[in-house]
Every structure is written in structure tokens, then in C-alpha cells.
Protein backbone atom coordinates (compact mmCIF):
# COMPACT_ATOMS: atom_id res chain seq x y z
CA MET A 1 -47.45 108.14 -43.51
CA SER A 2 -44.93 110.45 -45.11
CA PRO A 3 -41.97 108.69 -46.77
CA ASN A 4 -39.66 111.15 -44.97
CA VAL A 5 -40.57 109.87 -41.50
CA LEU A 6 -37.62 107.84 -40.24
CA VAL A 7 -38.79 106.73 -36.77
CA THR A 8 -42.43 106.25 -35.82
CA ASN A 9 -42.25 104.22 -32.59
CA ALA A 10 -43.07 106.36 -29.53
CA LYS A 11 -40.63 104.40 -27.35
CA TYR A 12 -37.78 106.34 -29.00
CA SER A 13 -39.24 109.70 -27.97
CA GLY A 14 -36.48 111.93 -26.57
CA LYS A 15 -33.73 109.50 -27.62
CA HIS A 16 -30.89 109.32 -30.11
CA VAL A 17 -31.47 106.52 -32.60
CA ALA A 18 -29.09 104.69 -34.95
CA MET A 19 -30.52 103.03 -38.07
CA ARG A 20 -28.89 100.87 -40.73
CA SER A 21 -29.48 103.42 -43.55
CA PHE A 22 -32.03 105.84 -44.97
CA THR A 23 -33.57 103.01 -46.97
CA ASP A 24 -33.33 100.32 -44.27
CA LYS A 25 -34.84 102.13 -41.30
CA THR A 26 -34.20 99.26 -38.90
CA VAL A 27 -33.25 100.70 -35.50
CA VAL A 28 -30.05 99.04 -34.31
CA ALA A 29 -29.38 101.13 -31.19
CA SER A 30 -30.95 103.92 -29.13
CA GLY A 31 -30.25 105.87 -25.97
CA ASN A 32 -29.58 109.23 -24.38
CA ASP A 33 -25.92 109.56 -25.40
CA ALA A 34 -25.37 109.94 -29.15
CA GLY A 35 -21.74 108.77 -28.98
CA LYS A 36 -22.64 105.58 -27.13
CA VAL A 37 -25.52 104.89 -29.52
CA TYR A 38 -23.19 105.32 -32.51
CA ALA A 39 -20.56 103.03 -30.96
CA SER A 40 -23.19 100.42 -30.13
CA ALA A 41 -24.44 100.42 -33.73
CA GLN A 42 -20.88 99.96 -35.01
CA LYS A 43 -20.32 97.05 -32.61
CA LYS A 44 -23.42 95.46 -34.17
CA GLY A 45 -21.77 95.66 -37.59
CA VAL A 46 -23.27 98.87 -38.97
CA GLN A 47 -20.22 100.82 -40.16
CA ASN A 48 -21.99 104.12 -40.97
CA PRO A 49 -25.28 104.23 -39.09
CA VAL A 50 -27.80 106.98 -39.76
CA MET A 51 -28.16 108.96 -36.54
CA VAL A 52 -31.29 110.93 -35.65
CA PHE A 53 -32.72 112.51 -32.53
CA VAL A 54 -36.42 111.80 -31.99
CA PRO A 55 -38.02 114.76 -30.22
CA LYS A 56 -40.64 114.27 -27.55
CA LYS A 57 -44.20 114.75 -28.76
CA ASP A 58 -45.43 118.35 -28.80
CA THR A 59 -41.94 119.69 -28.05
CA THR A 60 -40.10 122.26 -30.13
CA TYR A 61 -36.35 121.86 -30.56
CA ILE A 62 -34.11 124.52 -32.09
CA PHE A 63 -30.77 123.30 -33.43
């Protein structure tokens, strides 16, 4: 697996995910609303969570 892959679990497909850091890739919150996911991670004690969106498999996203 590539060291640049942050989230590998398929259950997060199509979701916003908050992790502890780039080095500690533990998922602390996930959901459809990025703001709520961020707030949830902060409530769990992660002051500056790393936020990513995990695209659905075989889907192209343009940001």
C-alpha cells in the first residue's frame, strides 16, 4: 500500500473523515457533513483533526 493513502476502509466511502494527524491515521469521526465531523472530532479531544473526503469507488471528483 502506498504511504500516501490516508483511509483504506470502504465503510468511509463517500464520507468526510476526521483523523488525529497525518502520522496517526486513526479515524475519530466520519459523516456526510464536514462541519459536524470536525466538531465531533474536537469534542473527542482532537484540537486540529486532519479532514479528508473519501470518494466512492470508481467515481471521479473535481474540486
